[in-house]
C-alpha atoms as a PDB file:
ATOM      1  CA  MET A   1     -27.004  18.299  -1.386  1.00  0.00           C
ATOM      2  CA  ILE A   2     -24.463  14.973   0.029  1.00  0.00           C
ATOM      3  CA  LEU A   3     -23.431  13.146  -3.254  1.00  0.00           C
ATOM      4  CA  LEU A   4     -21.855   9.707  -1.608  1.00  0.00           C
ATOM      5  CA  VAL A   5     -19.917   8.269  -3.938  1.00  0.00           C
ATOM      6  CA  ARG A   6     -18.569   4.587  -3.255  1.00  0.00           C
ATOM      7  CA  HIS A   7     -15.225   4.304  -4.722  1.00  0.00           C
ATOM      8  CA  ALA A   8     -14.916   2.341  -7.968  1.00  0.00           C
ATOM      9  CA  ARG A   9     -13.847  -1.034  -8.606  1.00  0.00           C
ATOM     10  CA  ALA A  10     -10.002  -1.813  -7.688  1.00  0.00           C
ATOM     11  CA  GLY A  11      -8.246  -5.004  -7.996  1.00  0.00           C
ATOM     12  CA  ARG A  12      -8.559  -7.939  -5.072  1.00  0.00           C
ATOM     13  CA  ARG A  13      -7.668  -7.518  -1.599  1.00  0.00           C
ATOM     14  CA  GLY A  14      -3.849  -8.437  -1.124  1.00  0.00           C
ATOM     15  CA  THR A  15      -2.784  -7.088  -4.794  1.00  0.00           C
ATOM     16  CA  ALA A  16      -1.239  -4.086  -3.148  1.00  0.00           C
ATOM     17  CA  GLY A  17       0.563  -5.981  -0.931  1.00  0.00           C
ATOM     18  CA  VAL A  18      -0.033  -5.974   3.098  1.00  0.00           C
ATOM     19  CA  ASP A  19      -1.406  -2.190   3.118  1.00  0.00           C
ATOM     20  CA  ASP A  20      -4.527  -2.341   1.167  1.00  0.00           C
ATOM     21  CA  SER A  21      -5.162   1.511   1.535  1.00  0.00           C
ATOM     22  CA  LEU A  22      -2.166   1.636  -1.620  1.00  0.00           C
ATOM     23  CA  ARG A  23      -5.012  -0.526  -4.021  1.00  0.00           C
ATOM     24  CA  PRO A  24      -5.683   1.417  -6.671  1.00  0.00           C
ATOM     25  CA  LEU A  25      -8.435   1.302  -9.301  1.00  0.00           C
ATOM     26  CA  ASP A  26      -8.774  -1.422 -12.048  1.00  0.00           C
ATOM     27  CA  ARG A  27      -8.983  -0.621 -15.524  1.00  0.00           C
ATOM     28  CA  ASN A  28     -13.405  -0.889 -15.332  1.00  0.00           C
ATOM     29  CA  GLY A  29     -12.637   1.220 -11.763  1.00  0.00           C
ATOM     30  CA  ARG A  30     -10.721   3.759 -14.345  1.00  0.00           C
ATOM     31  CA  LYS A  31     -13.617   4.110 -16.480  1.00  0.00           C
ATOM     32  CA  GLN A  32     -16.632   3.994 -13.522  1.00  0.00           C
ATOM     33  CA  ALA A  33     -14.453   6.895 -12.170  1.00  0.00           C
ATOM     34  CA  SER A  34     -14.688   8.884 -15.655  1.00  0.00           C
ATOM     35  CA  ALA A  35     -18.319   8.034 -15.587  1.00  0.00           C
ATOM     36  CA  VAL A  36     -18.943   9.072 -11.926  1.00  0.00           C
ATOM     37  CA  ALA A  37     -17.261  12.574 -13.181  1.00  0.00           C
ATOM     38  CA  ALA A  38     -19.460  12.470 -16.378  1.00  0.00           C
ATOM     39  CA  MET A  39     -22.335  12.176 -14.234  1.00  0.00           C
ATOM     40  CA  LEU A  40     -21.743  14.919 -11.546  1.00  0.00           C
ATOM     41  CA  ALA A  41     -20.873  17.323 -14.183  1.00  0.00           C
ATOM     42  CA  GLY A  42     -22.724  20.814 -13.811  1.00  0.00           C
ATOM     43  CA  ARG A  43     -23.961  20.164 -10.469  1.00  0.00           C
ATOM     44  CA  PRO A  44     -22.781  23.579  -7.778  1.00  0.00           C
ATOM     45  CA  ILE A  45     -20.338  21.164  -6.793  1.00  0.00           C
ATOM     46  CA  GLU A  46     -18.240  23.254  -3.802  1.00  0.00           C
ATOM     47  CA  ARG A  47     -15.832  20.371  -2.274  1.00  0.00           C
ATOM     48  CA  ILE A  48     -14.844  16.617  -2.743  1.00  0.00           C
ATOM     49  CA  LEU A  49     -13.686  15.169   0.285  1.00  0.00           C
ATOM     50  CA  SER A  50     -12.066  11.592   0.110  1.00  0.00           C
ATOM     51  CA  SER A  51     -11.032   8.454   2.579  1.00  0.00           C
ATOM     52  CA  PRO A  52      -7.369   8.554   2.069  1.00  0.00           C
ATOM     53  CA  TYR A  53      -7.302   5.095   0.177  1.00  0.00           C
ATOM     54  CA  ARG A  54      -5.575   5.403  -2.950  1.00  0.00           C
ATOM     55  CA  ARG A  55      -9.190   3.681  -4.442  1.00  0.00           C
ATOM     56  CA  CYS A  56     -11.192   6.419  -3.224  1.00  0.00           C
ATOM     57  CA  ILE A  57      -8.814   9.388  -4.156  1.00  0.00           C
ATOM     58  CA  GLU A  58      -8.519   7.514  -7.760  1.00  0.00           C
ATOM     59  CA  THR A  59     -12.603   7.541  -7.922  1.00  0.00           C
ATOM     60  CA  VAL A  60     -12.885  11.380  -7.497  1.00  0.00           C
ATOM     61  CA  GLU A  61      -9.723  12.297  -9.173  1.00  0.00           C
ATOM     62  CA  PRO A  62     -11.344  12.922 -13.065  1.00  0.00           C
ATOM     63  CA  LEU A  63     -14.277  14.831 -10.985  1.00  0.00           C
ATOM     64  CA  ALA A  64     -11.690  17.072  -9.371  1.00  0.00           C
ATOM     65  CA  GLN A  65      -9.797  17.678 -12.537  1.00  0.00           C
ATOM     66  CA  ALA A  66     -12.782  18.713 -14.408  1.00  0.00           C
ATOM     67  CA  THR A  67     -14.351  21.111 -11.512  1.00  0.00           C
ATOM     68  CA  GLY A  68     -10.685  22.543 -10.418  1.00  0.00           C
ATOM     69  CA  LEU A  69     -11.318  21.835  -6.994  1.00  0.00           C
ATOM     70  CA  GLU A  70      -9.005  20.118  -5.065  1.00  0.00           C
ATOM     71  CA  ILE A  71      -9.182  16.395  -3.043  1.00  0.00           C
ATOM     72  CA  GLU A  72      -9.830  16.785   0.445  1.00  0.00           C
ATOM     73  CA  GLN A  73      -8.568  13.489   2.506  1.00  0.00           C
ATOM     74  CA  ARG A  74     -10.378  12.910   5.513  1.00  0.00           C
ATOM     75  CA  ASP A  75      -9.670   9.983   7.979  1.00  0.00           C
ATOM     76  CA  GLU A  76     -13.481  10.160   9.133  1.00  0.00           C
ATOM     77  CA  LEU A  77     -14.204   8.245   5.602  1.00  0.00           C
ATOM     78  CA  ALA A  78     -11.680   5.247   5.380  1.00  0.00           C
ATOM     79  CA  GLU A  79     -12.815   1.953   5.474  1.00  0.00           C
ATOM     80  CA  GLY A  80     -14.107   0.710   9.134  1.00  0.00           C
ATOM     81  CA  ARG A  81     -15.109   4.165  10.506  1.00  0.00           C
ATOM     82  CA  PRO A  82     -18.555   4.336  12.153  1.00  0.00           C
ATOM     83  CA  ALA A  83     -21.131   6.594  10.704  1.00  0.00           C
ATOM     84  CA  SER A  84     -20.846   8.881  13.497  1.00  0.00           C
ATOM     85  CA  GLU A  85     -17.982  10.154  12.283  1.00  0.00           C
ATOM     86  CA  VAL A  86     -19.128  10.520   8.717  1.00  0.00           C
ATOM     87  CA  LEU A  87     -22.401  12.227  10.382  1.00  0.00           C
ATOM     88  CA  SER A  88     -20.144  15.130  12.324  1.00  0.00           C
ATOM     89  CA  LEU A  89     -18.120  15.444   9.196  1.00  0.00           C
ATOM     90  CA  ILE A  90     -21.553  16.208   7.417  1.00  0.00           C
ATOM     91  CA  ASP A  91     -22.353  18.696   9.968  1.00  0.00           C
ATOM     92  CA  GLU A  92     -19.520  20.909   9.258  1.00  0.00           C
ATOM     93  CA  LEU A  93     -20.070  21.207   5.932  1.00  0.00           C
ATOM     94  CA  PRO A  94     -22.018  24.439   4.828  1.00  0.00           C
ATOM     95  CA  ALA A  95     -25.610  24.143   3.276  1.00  0.00           C
ATOM     96  CA  SER A  96     -25.124  25.876   0.108  1.00  0.00           C
ATOM     97  CA  GLY A  97     -23.668  23.754  -3.018  1.00  0.00           C
ATOM     98  CA  ASP A  98     -23.390  20.093  -3.355  1.00  0.00           C
ATOM     99  CA  ALA A  99     -20.151  18.472  -1.497  1.00  0.00           C
ATOM    100  CA  VAL A 100     -18.864  14.845  -2.770  1.00  0.00           C
ATOM    101  CA  LEU A 101     -18.016  12.510  -0.151  1.00  0.00           C
ATOM    102  CA  CYS A 102     -16.123   9.161  -1.444  1.00  0.00           C
ATOM    103  CA  SER A 103     -15.828   5.972   0.836  1.00  0.00           C
ATOM    104  CA  HIS A 104     -16.206   2.620   1.004  1.00  0.00           C
ATOM    105  CA  GLY A 105     -19.152   0.218   1.306  1.00  0.00           C
ATOM    106  CA  ASP A 106     -19.127  -0.723   4.972  1.00  0.00           C
ATOM    107  CA  VAL A 107     -19.570   3.021   5.715  1.00  0.00           C
ATOM    108  CA  ILE A 108     -21.977   3.945   3.441  1.00  0.00           C
ATOM    109  CA  GLY A 109     -23.739   1.177   3.858  1.00  0.00           C
ATOM    110  CA  GLU A 110     -24.364   1.872   7.778  1.00  0.00           C
ATOM    111  CA  LEU A 111     -24.159   5.731   7.155  1.00  0.00           C
ATOM    112  CA  ILE A 112     -27.527   4.975   5.150  1.00  0.00           C
ATOM    113  CA  GLY A 113     -28.567   1.939   6.716  1.00  0.00           C
ATOM    114  CA  TYR A 114     -28.779  -0.241   3.881  1.00  0.00           C
ATOM    115  CA  ALA A 115     -27.927  -3.994   4.140  1.00  0.00           C
ATOM    116  CA  ARG A 116     -27.252  -5.222   0.847  1.00  0.00           C
ATOM    117  CA  PRO A 117     -23.467  -4.633  -0.227  1.00  0.00           C
ATOM    118  CA  VAL A 118     -23.419  -0.770  -1.730  1.00  0.00           C
ATOM    119  CA  MET A 119     -22.594  -0.962  -5.439  1.00  0.00           C
ATOM    120  CA  LYS A 120     -19.563   0.088  -6.497  1.00  0.00           C
ATOM    121  CA  GLY A 121     -19.256   3.309  -8.212  1.00  0.00           C
ATOM    122  CA  SER A 122     -22.691   4.355  -7.256  1.00  0.00           C
ATOM    123  CA  VAL A 123     -23.504   7.841  -5.937  1.00  0.00           C
ATOM    124  CA  TRP A 124     -26.265   8.341  -3.105  1.00  0.00           C
ATOM    125  CA  VAL A 125     -27.939  11.780  -2.836  1.00  0.00           C
ATOM    126  CA  LEU A 126     -28.737  12.726   0.625  1.00  0.00           C
ATOM    127  CA  ASP A 127     -30.282  15.791   1.884  1.00  0.00           C
ATOM    128  CA  PRO A 128     -28.779  16.671   5.398  1.00  0.00           C
ATOM    129  CA  GLU A 129     -31.404  19.807   5.454  1.00  0.00           C
ATOM    130  CA  HIS A 130     -34.310  18.127   5.733  1.00  0.00           C
ATOM    131  CA  ASP A 131     -33.062  14.405   6.706  1.00  0.00           C
ATOM    132  CA  MET A 132     -30.098  11.584   6.273  1.00  0.00           C
ATOM    133  CA  GLU A 133     -32.462   9.410   4.116  1.00  0.00           C
ATOM    134  CA  PRO A 134     -31.008   8.697   0.797  1.00  0.00           C
ATOM    135  CA  ARG A 135     -33.008  10.483  -2.046  1.00  0.00           C
ATOM    136  CA  GLY A 136     -31.847   7.239  -4.144  1.00  0.00           C
ATOM    137  CA  TYR A 137     -29.014   6.422  -5.737  1.00  0.00           C
ATOM    138  CA  LEU A 138     -27.255   6.470  -9.785  1.00  0.00           C
ATOM    139  CA  ILE A 139     -25.292   4.281 -11.347  1.00  0.00           C
ATOM    140  CA  PRO A 140     -22.977   5.810 -14.069  1.00  0.00           C
ATOM    141  CA  GLU A 141     -23.123   4.185 -16.929  1.00  0.00           C
END
């Protein structure tokens, strides 16, 4: 399974200066990140891949600490990238075990064909072996 995570809440655009890729999670975002890690505890996660943007990396850091896995930064998951790049990345992943991919609302929305804004901190469950339709999503408490 692919567990597609939208990064948790971060401060407003511009709060990190000119380079928005450096914007960190805010206090609520750090709580969401911990909740995502707790929600995914016990799953057979084999890889954690993330956009190189700070807010994405910080979203999956608690999960990486809990699982002992390294966060693999992938440009294909960065803001503004086309869904085709993410699909190619997913095709490279092994079929066994779960992979967590942390990205941005625009990327996830295009990938799953979701017209509304994708909620921050949400986790979408995809099964690439059968189809790429989302099996649903989870909101951490």
